[in-house]
Amino acid sequence: MNKWTEQNNRLIKLFEFKNFEKAFAFMTAVASVAEKMDHHPTWTNSWNKVYIELNTHSAGGNVTDKDRALAQAIDKIENESNG
């Protein structure tokens, strides 16, 4: 599992899954958690890959504890998806 990196005021990470269905299921799970946290990622999906960027627009586009909390929640979802 690769780690989140901070670049240009964003936490970024690329996730890779067995196939598109697994990637999409991951995105669905992340969407549910993000909605509950009222904090939404910027992301793209191409087949089995999901690229995520996190920052807080209301904090001037900087990385905040809100981003770190969502990143931690996303990692937990990834671990459960690959479990």
N, C-alpha and C. Protein backbone atom coordinates (compact mmCIF):
# COMPACT_ATOMS: atom_id res chain seq x y z
N MET A 1 0.85 -1.17 0.00
CA MET A 1 0.00 0.00 0.00
C MET A 1 0.90 1.24 0.00
N ASN A 2 0.67 2.12 -0.94
CA ASN A 2 1.44 3.35 -0.96
C ASN A 2 0.85 4.34 0.04
N LYS A 3 1.61 5.39 0.34
CA LYS A 3 1.20 6.35 1.35
C LYS A 3 0.71 7.64 0.70
N TRP A 4 -0.03 8.41 1.48
CA TRP A 4 -0.44 9.73 1.04
C TRP A 4 0.81 10.61 0.99
N THR A 5 0.88 11.45 -0.02
CA THR A 5 1.95 12.44 -0.08
C THR A 5 1.30 13.82 -0.15
N GLU A 6 2.02 14.80 0.35
CA GLU A 6 1.51 16.17 0.31
C GLU A 6 2.30 16.94 -0.75
N GLN A 7 1.57 17.43 -1.75
CA GLN A 7 2.16 18.21 -2.85
C GLN A 7 1.21 19.34 -3.21
N ASN A 8 1.75 20.53 -3.38
CA ASN A 8 0.97 21.67 -3.84
C ASN A 8 -0.32 21.86 -3.02
N ASN A 9 -0.20 21.82 -1.71
CA ASN A 9 -1.33 22.01 -0.80
C ASN A 9 -2.43 20.97 -1.00
N ARG A 10 -2.04 19.74 -1.29
CA ARG A 10 -3.00 18.65 -1.45
C ARG A 10 -2.39 17.36 -0.92
N LEU A 11 -3.23 16.55 -0.30
CA LEU A 11 -2.85 15.17 -0.02
C LEU A 11 -3.24 14.37 -1.25
N ILE A 12 -2.33 13.56 -1.75
CA ILE A 12 -2.63 12.79 -2.96
C ILE A 12 -2.25 11.33 -2.77
N LYS A 13 -3.03 10.48 -3.44
CA LYS A 13 -2.73 9.04 -3.40
C LYS A 13 -3.40 8.36 -4.59
N LEU A 14 -2.69 7.39 -5.15
CA LEU A 14 -3.22 6.56 -6.23
C LEU A 14 -3.52 5.18 -5.66
N PHE A 15 -4.74 4.72 -5.87
CA PHE A 15 -5.17 3.40 -5.43
C PHE A 15 -5.33 2.50 -6.65
N GLU A 16 -4.95 1.25 -6.51
CA GLU A 16 -5.09 0.30 -7.61
C GLU A 16 -5.80 -0.95 -7.11
N PHE A 17 -6.76 -1.42 -7.91
CA PHE A 17 -7.60 -2.56 -7.53
C PHE A 17 -7.53 -3.65 -8.58
N LYS A 18 -8.12 -4.78 -8.26
CA LYS A 18 -8.09 -5.94 -9.16
C LYS A 18 -8.78 -5.64 -10.49
N ASN A 19 -9.88 -4.86 -10.44
CA ASN A 19 -10.64 -4.58 -11.66
C ASN A 19 -11.50 -3.33 -11.46
N PHE A 20 -12.25 -2.97 -12.45
CA PHE A 20 -13.10 -1.78 -12.40
C PHE A 20 -14.17 -1.91 -11.33
N GLU A 21 -14.77 -3.08 -11.22
CA GLU A 21 -15.84 -3.29 -10.23
C GLU A 21 -15.34 -3.03 -8.81
N LYS A 22 -14.15 -3.51 -8.48
CA LYS A 22 -13.56 -3.28 -7.15
C LYS A 22 -13.26 -1.80 -6.95
N ALA A 23 -12.74 -1.15 -7.99
CA ALA A 23 -12.43 0.29 -7.90
C ALA A 23 -13.71 1.09 -7.67
N PHE A 24 -14.76 0.73 -8.39
CA PHE A 24 -16.03 1.46 -8.27
C PHE A 24 -16.67 1.22 -6.91
N ALA A 25 -16.58 0.00 -6.39
CA ALA A 25 -17.11 -0.30 -5.06
C ALA A 25 -16.37 0.52 -4.00
N PHE A 26 -15.06 0.65 -4.16
CA PHE A 26 -14.25 1.49 -3.27
C PHE A 26 -14.73 2.93 -3.32
N MET A 27 -14.94 3.45 -4.52
CA MET A 27 -15.39 4.83 -4.67
C MET A 27 -16.76 5.03 -4.03
N THR A 28 -17.63 4.06 -4.16
CA THR A 28 -18.96 4.15 -3.56
C THR A 28 -18.85 4.22 -2.04
N ALA A 29 -17.99 3.38 -1.48
CA ALA A 29 -17.79 3.39 -0.02
C ALA A 29 -17.18 4.71 0.43
N VAL A 30 -16.21 5.23 -0.31
CA VAL A 30 -15.60 6.52 0.03
C VAL A 30 -16.64 7.63 -0.06
N ALA A 31 -17.48 7.59 -1.07
CA ALA A 31 -18.51 8.63 -1.23
C ALA A 31 -19.43 8.68 -0.02
N SER A 32 -19.80 7.53 0.50
CA SER A 32 -20.68 7.47 1.66
C SER A 32 -20.02 8.10 2.89
N VAL A 33 -18.77 7.76 3.14
CA VAL A 33 -18.04 8.31 4.28
C VAL A 33 -17.80 9.81 4.09
N ALA A 34 -17.42 10.21 2.90
CA ALA A 34 -17.15 11.63 2.62
C ALA A 34 -18.41 12.46 2.83
N GLU A 35 -19.54 11.93 2.43
CA GLU A 35 -20.80 12.66 2.60
C GLU A 35 -21.11 12.83 4.09
N LYS A 36 -20.90 11.79 4.86
CA LYS A 36 -21.13 11.87 6.31
C LYS A 36 -20.19 12.87 6.97
N MET A 37 -18.97 12.97 6.45
CA MET A 37 -17.99 13.91 7.00
C MET A 37 -18.16 15.32 6.42
N ASP A 38 -19.04 15.44 5.43
CA ASP A 38 -19.24 16.70 4.71
C ASP A 38 -17.90 17.24 4.19
N HIS A 39 -17.14 16.32 3.61
CA HIS A 39 -15.83 16.68 3.05
C HIS A 39 -15.60 15.78 1.84
N HIS A 40 -15.47 16.36 0.68
CA HIS A 40 -15.52 15.58 -0.56
C HIS A 40 -14.20 15.64 -1.33
N PRO A 41 -13.74 14.49 -1.80
CA PRO A 41 -12.46 14.45 -2.52
C PRO A 41 -12.60 14.92 -3.96
N THR A 42 -11.47 15.31 -4.50
CA THR A 42 -11.34 15.47 -5.94
C THR A 42 -10.71 14.16 -6.40
N TRP A 43 -11.35 13.52 -7.39
CA TRP A 43 -10.83 12.21 -7.79
C TRP A 43 -11.11 11.91 -9.24
N THR A 44 -10.34 10.96 -9.74
CA THR A 44 -10.56 10.44 -11.09
C THR A 44 -10.46 8.92 -11.01
N ASN A 45 -11.10 8.28 -11.97
CA ASN A 45 -11.08 6.82 -12.05
C ASN A 45 -10.81 6.43 -13.49
N SER A 46 -9.89 5.50 -13.66
CA SER A 46 -9.63 4.91 -14.96
C SER A 46 -9.44 3.41 -14.74
N TRP A 47 -10.41 2.65 -15.19
CA TRP A 47 -10.50 1.21 -15.03
C TRP A 47 -10.26 0.80 -13.57
N ASN A 48 -9.08 0.29 -13.22
CA ASN A 48 -8.85 -0.22 -11.87
C ASN A 48 -8.10 0.75 -10.97
N LYS A 49 -7.92 1.97 -11.43
CA LYS A 49 -7.17 2.97 -10.66
C LYS A 49 -8.08 4.11 -10.22
N VAL A 50 -7.85 4.56 -8.98
CA VAL A 50 -8.56 5.72 -8.44
C VAL A 50 -7.51 6.67 -7.89
N TYR A 51 -7.49 7.89 -8.41
CA TYR A 51 -6.55 8.92 -7.98
C TYR A 51 -7.34 9.93 -7.15
N ILE A 52 -6.86 10.19 -5.93
CA ILE A 52 -7.58 11.09 -5.02
C ILE A 52 -6.68 12.24 -4.58
N GLU A 53 -7.26 13.44 -4.57
CA GLU A 53 -6.64 14.63 -4.01
C GLU A 53 -7.55 15.18 -2.92
N LEU A 54 -6.95 15.58 -1.79
CA LEU A 54 -7.71 16.16 -0.69
C LEU A 54 -7.12 17.50 -0.29
N ASN A 55 -7.96 18.49 -0.15
CA ASN A 55 -7.62 19.76 0.48
C ASN A 55 -8.92 20.43 0.91
N THR A 56 -8.82 21.48 1.68
CA THR A 56 -10.01 22.13 2.23
C THR A 56 -10.19 23.50 1.60
N HIS A 57 -11.20 23.61 0.76
CA HIS A 57 -11.44 24.86 0.04
C HIS A 57 -11.72 26.02 1.00
N SER A 58 -12.47 25.74 2.08
CA SER A 58 -12.82 26.80 3.03
C SER A 58 -11.62 27.27 3.86
N ALA A 59 -10.50 26.56 3.76
CA ALA A 59 -9.27 26.95 4.45
C ALA A 59 -8.24 27.45 3.44
N GLY A 60 -8.73 28.03 2.37
CA GLY A 60 -7.83 28.58 1.36
C GLY A 60 -7.16 27.55 0.50
N GLY A 61 -7.75 26.35 0.41
CA GLY A 61 -7.17 25.30 -0.41
C GLY A 61 -5.99 24.60 0.24
N ASN A 62 -5.87 24.73 1.54
CA ASN A 62 -4.77 24.09 2.26
C ASN A 62 -5.20 22.73 2.82
N VAL A 63 -4.20 21.94 3.19
CA VAL A 63 -4.45 20.66 3.83
C VAL A 63 -4.72 20.93 5.32
N THR A 64 -5.81 20.35 5.82
CA THR A 64 -6.19 20.53 7.22
C THR A 64 -6.41 19.18 7.89
N ASP A 65 -6.73 19.23 9.17
CA ASP A 65 -7.03 17.99 9.90
C ASP A 65 -8.24 17.27 9.30
N LYS A 66 -9.14 18.03 8.69
CA LYS A 66 -10.30 17.42 8.02
C LYS A 66 -9.84 16.51 6.88
N ASP A 67 -8.83 16.95 6.14
CA ASP A 67 -8.28 16.14 5.05
C ASP A 67 -7.57 14.90 5.59
N ARG A 68 -6.82 15.09 6.67
CA ARG A 68 -6.10 13.96 7.25
C ARG A 68 -7.08 12.92 7.80
N ALA A 69 -8.18 13.38 8.39
CA ALA A 69 -9.20 12.46 8.90
C ALA A 69 -9.86 11.68 7.76
N LEU A 70 -10.16 12.37 6.66
CA LEU A 70 -10.75 11.68 5.52
C LEU A 70 -9.75 10.71 4.90
N ALA A 71 -8.49 11.10 4.81
CA ALA A 71 -7.46 10.21 4.27
C ALA A 71 -7.37 8.94 5.12
N GLN A 72 -7.43 9.09 6.42
CA GLN A 72 -7.38 7.93 7.31
C GLN A 72 -8.60 7.03 7.09
N ALA A 73 -9.77 7.64 6.94
CA ALA A 73 -10.99 6.87 6.68
C ALA A 73 -10.90 6.14 5.34
N ILE A 74 -10.33 6.80 4.33
CA ILE A 74 -10.17 6.19 3.01
C ILE A 74 -9.22 5.00 3.08
N ASP A 75 -8.13 5.15 3.84
CA ASP A 75 -7.20 4.03 4.00
C ASP A 75 -7.88 2.84 4.67
N LYS A 76 -8.75 3.11 5.63
CA LYS A 76 -9.47 2.02 6.29
C LYS A 76 -10.38 1.30 5.29
N ILE A 77 -11.05 2.07 4.42
CA ILE A 77 -11.90 1.47 3.39
C ILE A 77 -11.05 0.63 2.44
N GLU A 78 -9.89 1.15 2.06
CA GLU A 78 -9.00 0.38 1.17
C GLU A 78 -8.60 -0.94 1.83
N ASN A 79 -8.23 -0.88 3.10
CA ASN A 79 -7.82 -2.11 3.81
C ASN A 79 -8.95 -3.11 3.87
N GLU A 80 -10.17 -2.64 4.10
CA GLU A 80 -11.34 -3.53 4.15
C GLU A 80 -11.66 -4.07 2.75
N SER A 81 -11.44 -3.27 1.71
CA SER A 81 -11.71 -3.70 0.34
C SER A 81 -10.76 -4.80 -0.10
N ASN A 82 -9.52 -4.69 0.36
CA ASN A 82 -8.50 -5.66 -0.05
C ASN A 82 -8.36 -6.80 0.95
N GLY A 83 -9.14 -6.71 2.07
CA GLY A 83 -9.06 -7.63 3.19
C GLY A 83 -9.02 -9.04 2.83
